[in-house]
Amino acid sequence: MERWDLEAIETPGGSTSPVVLATADQARAVLIGLQPGQSLRDHEVKEGAWVLVASGNAKFETDGDSVDAGPGTLVRFAPGERRTVSSAAGARLLLFLAPWPGKGHYRAEEQAVGGF
């Protein structure tokens, strides 16, 4: 068994210092601390993304949809779905990426060298 206290893990740079908690064969868990006023600007990932608001409040926006989410809210994004995440007062987000790594995550030359 592994265990993490999400409130005790430091994320000093907020969105610029996500903490990879664990990587397994099929998934990766990442803690992201958004400081007040911080955002993850328009982006996408190759994996499916599941985001749990662990504390605070966050706003999730996709093309044509948005939701204000508080603690306990789980949001899912399809692979390649573009989104923006922001927090006016600060939030701690637990991100699960699956499958890990998603198809196209690594460039071909990285796959050859790294054996992924």
N, C-alpha and C. Protein backbone atom coordinates (compact mmCIF):
# COMPACT_ATOMS: atom_id res chain seq x y z
N MET A 1 0.84 -1.17 0.00
CA MET A 1 0.00 0.00 0.00
C MET A 1 0.89 1.24 0.00
N GLU A 2 0.49 2.21 -0.78
CA GLU A 2 1.14 3.52 -0.76
C GLU A 2 0.10 4.54 -0.32
N ARG A 3 0.57 5.64 0.28
CA ARG A 3 -0.35 6.63 0.83
C ARG A 3 0.24 8.02 0.67
N TRP A 4 -0.63 9.00 0.37
CA TRP A 4 -0.20 10.39 0.22
C TRP A 4 -1.17 11.30 0.96
N ASP A 5 -0.63 12.26 1.68
CA ASP A 5 -1.44 13.30 2.32
C ASP A 5 -1.40 14.50 1.39
N LEU A 6 -2.43 14.68 0.58
CA LEU A 6 -2.43 15.71 -0.45
C LEU A 6 -2.33 17.13 0.11
N GLU A 7 -2.77 17.33 1.34
CA GLU A 7 -2.68 18.65 1.95
C GLU A 7 -1.28 18.96 2.45
N ALA A 8 -0.47 17.93 2.72
CA ALA A 8 0.86 18.13 3.28
C ALA A 8 1.96 18.23 2.21
N ILE A 9 1.68 17.81 1.00
CA ILE A 9 2.69 17.83 -0.07
C ILE A 9 2.84 19.25 -0.58
N GLU A 10 4.08 19.72 -0.62
CA GLU A 10 4.34 21.09 -1.05
C GLU A 10 4.33 21.21 -2.57
N THR A 11 3.71 22.27 -3.05
CA THR A 11 3.73 22.63 -4.47
C THR A 11 4.09 24.12 -4.53
N PRO A 12 5.36 24.45 -4.23
CA PRO A 12 5.76 25.85 -4.02
C PRO A 12 5.54 26.78 -5.21
N GLY A 13 5.60 26.30 -6.41
CA GLY A 13 5.41 27.16 -7.56
C GLY A 13 4.00 27.11 -8.10
N GLY A 14 3.12 26.45 -7.37
CA GLY A 14 1.75 26.29 -7.86
C GLY A 14 1.73 25.51 -9.15
N SER A 15 1.10 26.06 -10.17
CA SER A 15 0.93 25.34 -11.43
C SER A 15 2.25 25.05 -12.13
N THR A 16 3.33 25.72 -11.73
CA THR A 16 4.62 25.47 -12.36
C THR A 16 5.40 24.34 -11.70
N SER A 17 4.87 23.77 -10.64
CA SER A 17 5.59 22.68 -9.96
C SER A 17 4.66 21.53 -9.61
N PRO A 18 4.05 20.88 -10.63
CA PRO A 18 3.23 19.72 -10.32
C PRO A 18 4.09 18.61 -9.72
N VAL A 19 3.50 17.79 -8.88
CA VAL A 19 4.23 16.71 -8.20
C VAL A 19 3.69 15.37 -8.70
N VAL A 20 4.56 14.59 -9.36
CA VAL A 20 4.16 13.25 -9.79
C VAL A 20 4.16 12.37 -8.55
N LEU A 21 2.99 11.88 -8.17
CA LEU A 21 2.86 11.04 -6.98
C LEU A 21 3.22 9.60 -7.28
N ALA A 22 2.78 9.10 -8.42
CA ALA A 22 3.04 7.70 -8.77
C ALA A 22 2.83 7.50 -10.26
N THR A 23 3.60 6.57 -10.80
CA THR A 23 3.43 6.14 -12.18
C THR A 23 3.40 4.62 -12.16
N ALA A 24 2.35 4.06 -12.75
CA ALA A 24 2.21 2.61 -12.83
C ALA A 24 2.08 2.23 -14.30
N ASP A 25 1.89 0.96 -14.56
CA ASP A 25 1.82 0.48 -15.93
C ASP A 25 0.76 1.19 -16.75
N GLN A 26 -0.36 1.54 -16.16
CA GLN A 26 -1.46 2.09 -16.94
C GLN A 26 -1.91 3.48 -16.55
N ALA A 27 -1.29 4.10 -15.55
CA ALA A 27 -1.77 5.41 -15.12
C ALA A 27 -0.67 6.20 -14.42
N ARG A 28 -0.88 7.49 -14.34
CA ARG A 28 0.01 8.38 -13.60
C ARG A 28 -0.87 9.29 -12.75
N ALA A 29 -0.47 9.54 -11.50
CA ALA A 29 -1.17 10.44 -10.59
C ALA A 29 -0.28 11.65 -10.33
N VAL A 30 -0.85 12.85 -10.47
CA VAL A 30 -0.10 14.09 -10.33
C VAL A 30 -0.90 15.05 -9.45
N LEU A 31 -0.22 15.67 -8.49
CA LEU A 31 -0.84 16.69 -7.66
C LEU A 31 -0.46 18.06 -8.22
N ILE A 32 -1.47 18.90 -8.44
CA ILE A 32 -1.24 20.25 -8.94
C ILE A 32 -1.82 21.23 -7.93
N GLY A 33 -1.00 22.14 -7.47
CA GLY A 33 -1.47 23.20 -6.57
C GLY A 33 -1.60 24.49 -7.36
N LEU A 34 -2.79 24.99 -7.45
CA LEU A 34 -2.99 26.30 -8.09
C LEU A 34 -3.04 27.36 -7.00
N GLN A 35 -2.16 28.32 -7.09
CA GLN A 35 -2.18 29.43 -6.15
C GLN A 35 -3.29 30.40 -6.58
N PRO A 36 -3.75 31.26 -5.68
CA PRO A 36 -4.81 32.21 -6.04
C PRO A 36 -4.47 32.96 -7.33
N GLY A 37 -5.42 32.93 -8.26
CA GLY A 37 -5.25 33.62 -9.53
C GLY A 37 -4.49 32.84 -10.59
N GLN A 38 -3.94 31.68 -10.27
CA GLN A 38 -3.19 30.91 -11.25
C GLN A 38 -4.12 30.13 -12.17
N SER A 39 -3.58 29.78 -13.34
CA SER A 39 -4.35 28.97 -14.27
C SER A 39 -3.42 28.07 -15.07
N LEU A 40 -4.01 27.03 -15.60
CA LEU A 40 -3.35 26.19 -16.60
C LEU A 40 -4.01 26.62 -17.90
N ARG A 41 -3.30 27.40 -18.68
CA ARG A 41 -3.89 27.96 -19.90
C ARG A 41 -4.26 26.86 -20.87
N ASP A 42 -4.93 27.22 -21.93
CA ASP A 42 -5.43 26.30 -22.95
C ASP A 42 -4.38 25.24 -23.27
N HIS A 43 -4.74 23.97 -23.01
CA HIS A 43 -3.80 22.87 -23.24
C HIS A 43 -4.57 21.57 -23.46
N GLU A 44 -3.83 20.54 -23.81
CA GLU A 44 -4.37 19.20 -23.98
C GLU A 44 -3.27 18.20 -23.67
N VAL A 45 -3.66 16.96 -23.42
CA VAL A 45 -2.70 15.88 -23.24
C VAL A 45 -3.13 14.70 -24.10
N LYS A 46 -2.22 13.80 -24.34
CA LYS A 46 -2.50 12.62 -25.18
C LYS A 46 -3.34 11.58 -24.45
N GLU A 47 -3.30 11.62 -23.11
CA GLU A 47 -4.02 10.65 -22.29
C GLU A 47 -5.42 11.14 -21.94
N GLY A 48 -6.26 10.23 -21.48
CA GLY A 48 -7.49 10.66 -20.84
C GLY A 48 -7.10 11.30 -19.52
N ALA A 49 -7.78 12.36 -19.12
CA ALA A 49 -7.43 13.06 -17.88
C ALA A 49 -8.64 13.09 -16.96
N TRP A 50 -8.43 12.63 -15.74
CA TRP A 50 -9.45 12.66 -14.68
C TRP A 50 -8.91 13.62 -13.63
N VAL A 51 -9.66 14.65 -13.29
CA VAL A 51 -9.19 15.66 -12.34
C VAL A 51 -10.17 15.73 -11.16
N LEU A 52 -9.64 15.52 -9.96
CA LEU A 52 -10.42 15.61 -8.74
C LEU A 52 -10.02 16.89 -8.01
N VAL A 53 -11.00 17.72 -7.68
CA VAL A 53 -10.73 18.90 -6.86
C VAL A 53 -10.62 18.40 -5.42
N ALA A 54 -9.38 18.40 -4.90
CA ALA A 54 -9.14 17.90 -3.54
C ALA A 54 -9.46 18.97 -2.50
N SER A 55 -9.16 20.23 -2.82
CA SER A 55 -9.51 21.34 -1.92
C SER A 55 -9.57 22.62 -2.74
N GLY A 56 -10.24 23.61 -2.19
CA GLY A 56 -10.40 24.88 -2.90
C GLY A 56 -11.45 24.78 -3.99
N ASN A 57 -11.41 25.71 -4.91
CA ASN A 57 -12.36 25.74 -6.02
C ASN A 57 -11.61 26.01 -7.31
N ALA A 58 -12.08 25.39 -8.39
CA ALA A 58 -11.45 25.56 -9.70
C ALA A 58 -12.52 25.73 -10.76
N LYS A 59 -12.16 26.41 -11.81
CA LYS A 59 -13.05 26.56 -12.96
C LYS A 59 -12.43 25.81 -14.13
N PHE A 60 -13.21 24.91 -14.72
CA PHE A 60 -12.77 24.12 -15.86
C PHE A 60 -13.53 24.62 -17.09
N GLU A 61 -12.80 24.92 -18.15
CA GLU A 61 -13.43 25.41 -19.37
C GLU A 61 -12.95 24.62 -20.58
N THR A 62 -13.89 24.22 -21.41
CA THR A 62 -13.60 23.59 -22.69
C THR A 62 -14.32 24.40 -23.75
N ASP A 63 -14.15 24.01 -24.97
CA ASP A 63 -14.82 24.73 -26.06
C ASP A 63 -16.33 24.64 -25.88
N GLY A 64 -16.92 25.73 -25.42
CA GLY A 64 -18.37 25.78 -25.28
C GLY A 64 -18.94 25.29 -23.98
N ASP A 65 -18.12 24.92 -22.99
CA ASP A 65 -18.64 24.43 -21.72
C ASP A 65 -17.73 24.90 -20.59
N SER A 66 -18.31 25.16 -19.43
CA SER A 66 -17.50 25.49 -18.26
C SER A 66 -18.23 25.03 -17.01
N VAL A 67 -17.44 24.78 -15.96
CA VAL A 67 -18.01 24.36 -14.70
C VAL A 67 -17.15 24.92 -13.56
N ASP A 68 -17.81 25.45 -12.53
CA ASP A 68 -17.14 25.84 -11.30
C ASP A 68 -17.23 24.64 -10.38
N ALA A 69 -16.09 24.19 -9.89
CA ALA A 69 -16.04 22.93 -9.14
C ALA A 69 -15.41 23.12 -7.77
N GLY A 70 -16.05 22.53 -6.77
CA GLY A 70 -15.53 22.57 -5.41
C GLY A 70 -14.97 21.21 -5.00
N PRO A 71 -14.54 21.08 -3.75
CA PRO A 71 -13.97 19.85 -3.25
C PRO A 71 -14.88 18.65 -3.49
N GLY A 72 -14.29 17.58 -3.96
CA GLY A 72 -15.04 16.36 -4.22
C GLY A 72 -15.54 16.24 -5.64
N THR A 73 -15.39 17.29 -6.45
CA THR A 73 -15.84 17.23 -7.84
C THR A 73 -14.81 16.52 -8.69
N LEU A 74 -15.28 15.58 -9.51
CA LEU A 74 -14.41 14.85 -10.44
C LEU A 74 -14.81 15.24 -11.86
N VAL A 75 -13.82 15.63 -12.65
CA VAL A 75 -14.03 16.05 -14.04
C VAL A 75 -13.19 15.16 -14.93
N ARG A 76 -13.76 14.72 -16.07
CA ARG A 76 -13.02 13.87 -17.00
C ARG A 76 -12.92 14.55 -18.35
N PHE A 77 -11.72 14.45 -18.96
CA PHE A 77 -11.48 14.96 -20.29
C PHE A 77 -11.00 13.82 -21.18
N ALA A 78 -11.49 13.79 -22.41
CA ALA A 78 -11.05 12.78 -23.37
C ALA A 78 -9.62 13.10 -23.84
N PRO A 79 -8.88 12.10 -24.31
CA PRO A 79 -7.55 12.38 -24.86
C PRO A 79 -7.65 13.45 -25.96
N GLY A 80 -6.77 14.43 -25.90
CA GLY A 80 -6.75 15.49 -26.90
C GLY A 80 -7.77 16.60 -26.70
N GLU A 81 -8.62 16.49 -25.68
CA GLU A 81 -9.63 17.54 -25.45
C GLU A 81 -8.95 18.77 -24.84
N ARG A 82 -9.12 19.90 -25.48
CA ARG A 82 -8.50 21.14 -25.02
C ARG A 82 -9.29 21.72 -23.85
N ARG A 83 -8.55 22.31 -22.88
CA ARG A 83 -9.21 22.90 -21.72
C ARG A 83 -8.33 23.95 -21.08
N THR A 84 -8.97 24.76 -20.24
CA THR A 84 -8.32 25.73 -19.39
C THR A 84 -8.81 25.47 -17.97
N VAL A 85 -7.89 25.55 -17.01
CA VAL A 85 -8.25 25.34 -15.60
C VAL A 85 -7.73 26.55 -14.84
N SER A 86 -8.57 27.15 -14.01
CA SER A 86 -8.14 28.31 -13.25
C SER A 86 -8.74 28.26 -11.84
N SER A 87 -8.15 29.08 -10.96
CA SER A 87 -8.67 29.16 -9.60
C SER A 87 -8.46 30.57 -9.07
N ALA A 88 -9.54 31.24 -8.72
CA ALA A 88 -9.46 32.60 -8.18
C ALA A 88 -8.85 32.61 -6.78
N ALA A 89 -9.21 31.63 -5.95
CA ALA A 89 -8.78 31.62 -4.55
C ALA A 89 -7.75 30.53 -4.24
N GLY A 90 -7.41 29.68 -5.22
CA GLY A 90 -6.46 28.59 -5.00
C GLY A 90 -7.17 27.25 -4.90
N ALA A 91 -6.47 26.21 -5.34
CA ALA A 91 -7.04 24.86 -5.31
C ALA A 91 -5.92 23.83 -5.38
N ARG A 92 -6.24 22.63 -4.90
CA ARG A 92 -5.34 21.48 -5.04
C ARG A 92 -6.10 20.47 -5.89
N LEU A 93 -5.47 20.06 -6.99
CA LEU A 93 -6.10 19.16 -7.95
C LEU A 93 -5.32 17.88 -8.03
N LEU A 94 -6.02 16.76 -8.02
CA LEU A 94 -5.40 15.46 -8.21
C LEU A 94 -5.73 15.02 -9.63
N LEU A 95 -4.70 14.88 -10.45
CA LEU A 95 -4.85 14.53 -11.86
C LEU A 95 -4.42 13.09 -12.08
N PHE A 96 -5.29 12.32 -12.73
CA PHE A 96 -4.95 10.96 -13.14
C PHE A 96 -4.90 10.94 -14.66
N LEU A 97 -3.82 10.46 -15.23
CA LEU A 97 -3.67 10.32 -16.67
C LEU A 97 -3.71 8.84 -17.01
N ALA A 98 -4.61 8.45 -17.91
CA ALA A 98 -4.73 7.04 -18.27
C ALA A 98 -5.31 6.92 -19.68
N PRO A 99 -4.82 5.98 -20.47
CA PRO A 99 -3.69 5.11 -20.15
C PRO A 99 -2.38 5.90 -20.17
N TRP A 100 -1.41 5.41 -19.46
CA TRP A 100 -0.11 6.08 -19.37
C TRP A 100 0.96 5.23 -20.01
N PRO A 101 1.84 5.76 -20.84
CA PRO A 101 1.64 7.02 -21.56
C PRO A 101 0.66 6.83 -22.70
N GLY A 102 -0.06 7.88 -23.04
CA GLY A 102 -1.02 7.82 -24.15
C GLY A 102 -0.30 7.76 -25.48
N LYS A 103 -0.97 7.21 -26.48
CA LYS A 103 -0.40 7.11 -27.82
C LYS A 103 0.00 8.50 -28.31
N GLY A 104 1.27 8.63 -28.72
CA GLY A 104 1.79 9.89 -29.20
C GLY A 104 2.38 10.78 -28.12
N HIS A 105 2.39 10.31 -26.86
CA HIS A 105 2.94 11.12 -25.77
C HIS A 105 4.43 11.39 -26.01
N TYR A 106 5.17 10.36 -26.37
CA TYR A 106 6.59 10.51 -26.62
C TYR A 106 6.84 10.59 -28.12
N ARG A 107 7.78 11.45 -28.50
CA ARG A 107 8.17 11.52 -29.91
C ARG A 107 8.87 10.22 -30.28
N ALA A 108 8.90 9.89 -31.55
CA ALA A 108 9.48 8.63 -32.02
C ALA A 108 10.92 8.45 -31.57
N GLU A 109 11.74 9.51 -31.61
CA GLU A 109 13.14 9.38 -31.21
C GLU A 109 13.28 9.12 -29.71
N GLU A 110 12.38 9.65 -28.89
CA GLU A 110 12.40 9.38 -27.45
C GLU A 110 12.03 7.92 -27.19
N GLN A 111 11.09 7.40 -27.95
CA GLN A 111 10.70 6.02 -27.78
C GLN A 111 11.86 5.09 -28.11
N ALA A 112 12.59 5.39 -29.18
CA ALA A 112 13.72 4.54 -29.60
C ALA A 112 14.82 4.55 -28.57
N VAL A 113 15.14 5.73 -28.02
CA VAL A 113 16.22 5.87 -27.03
C VAL A 113 15.78 5.36 -25.68
N GLY A 114 14.59 5.74 -25.24
CA GLY A 114 14.12 5.40 -23.90
C GLY A 114 13.49 4.04 -23.77
N GLY A 115 13.21 3.39 -24.88
CA GLY A 115 12.61 2.07 -24.82
C GLY A 115 11.16 2.06 -24.39
N PHE A 116 10.46 3.17 -24.56
CA PHE A 116 9.06 3.23 -24.13
C PHE A 116 8.16 2.47 -25.05
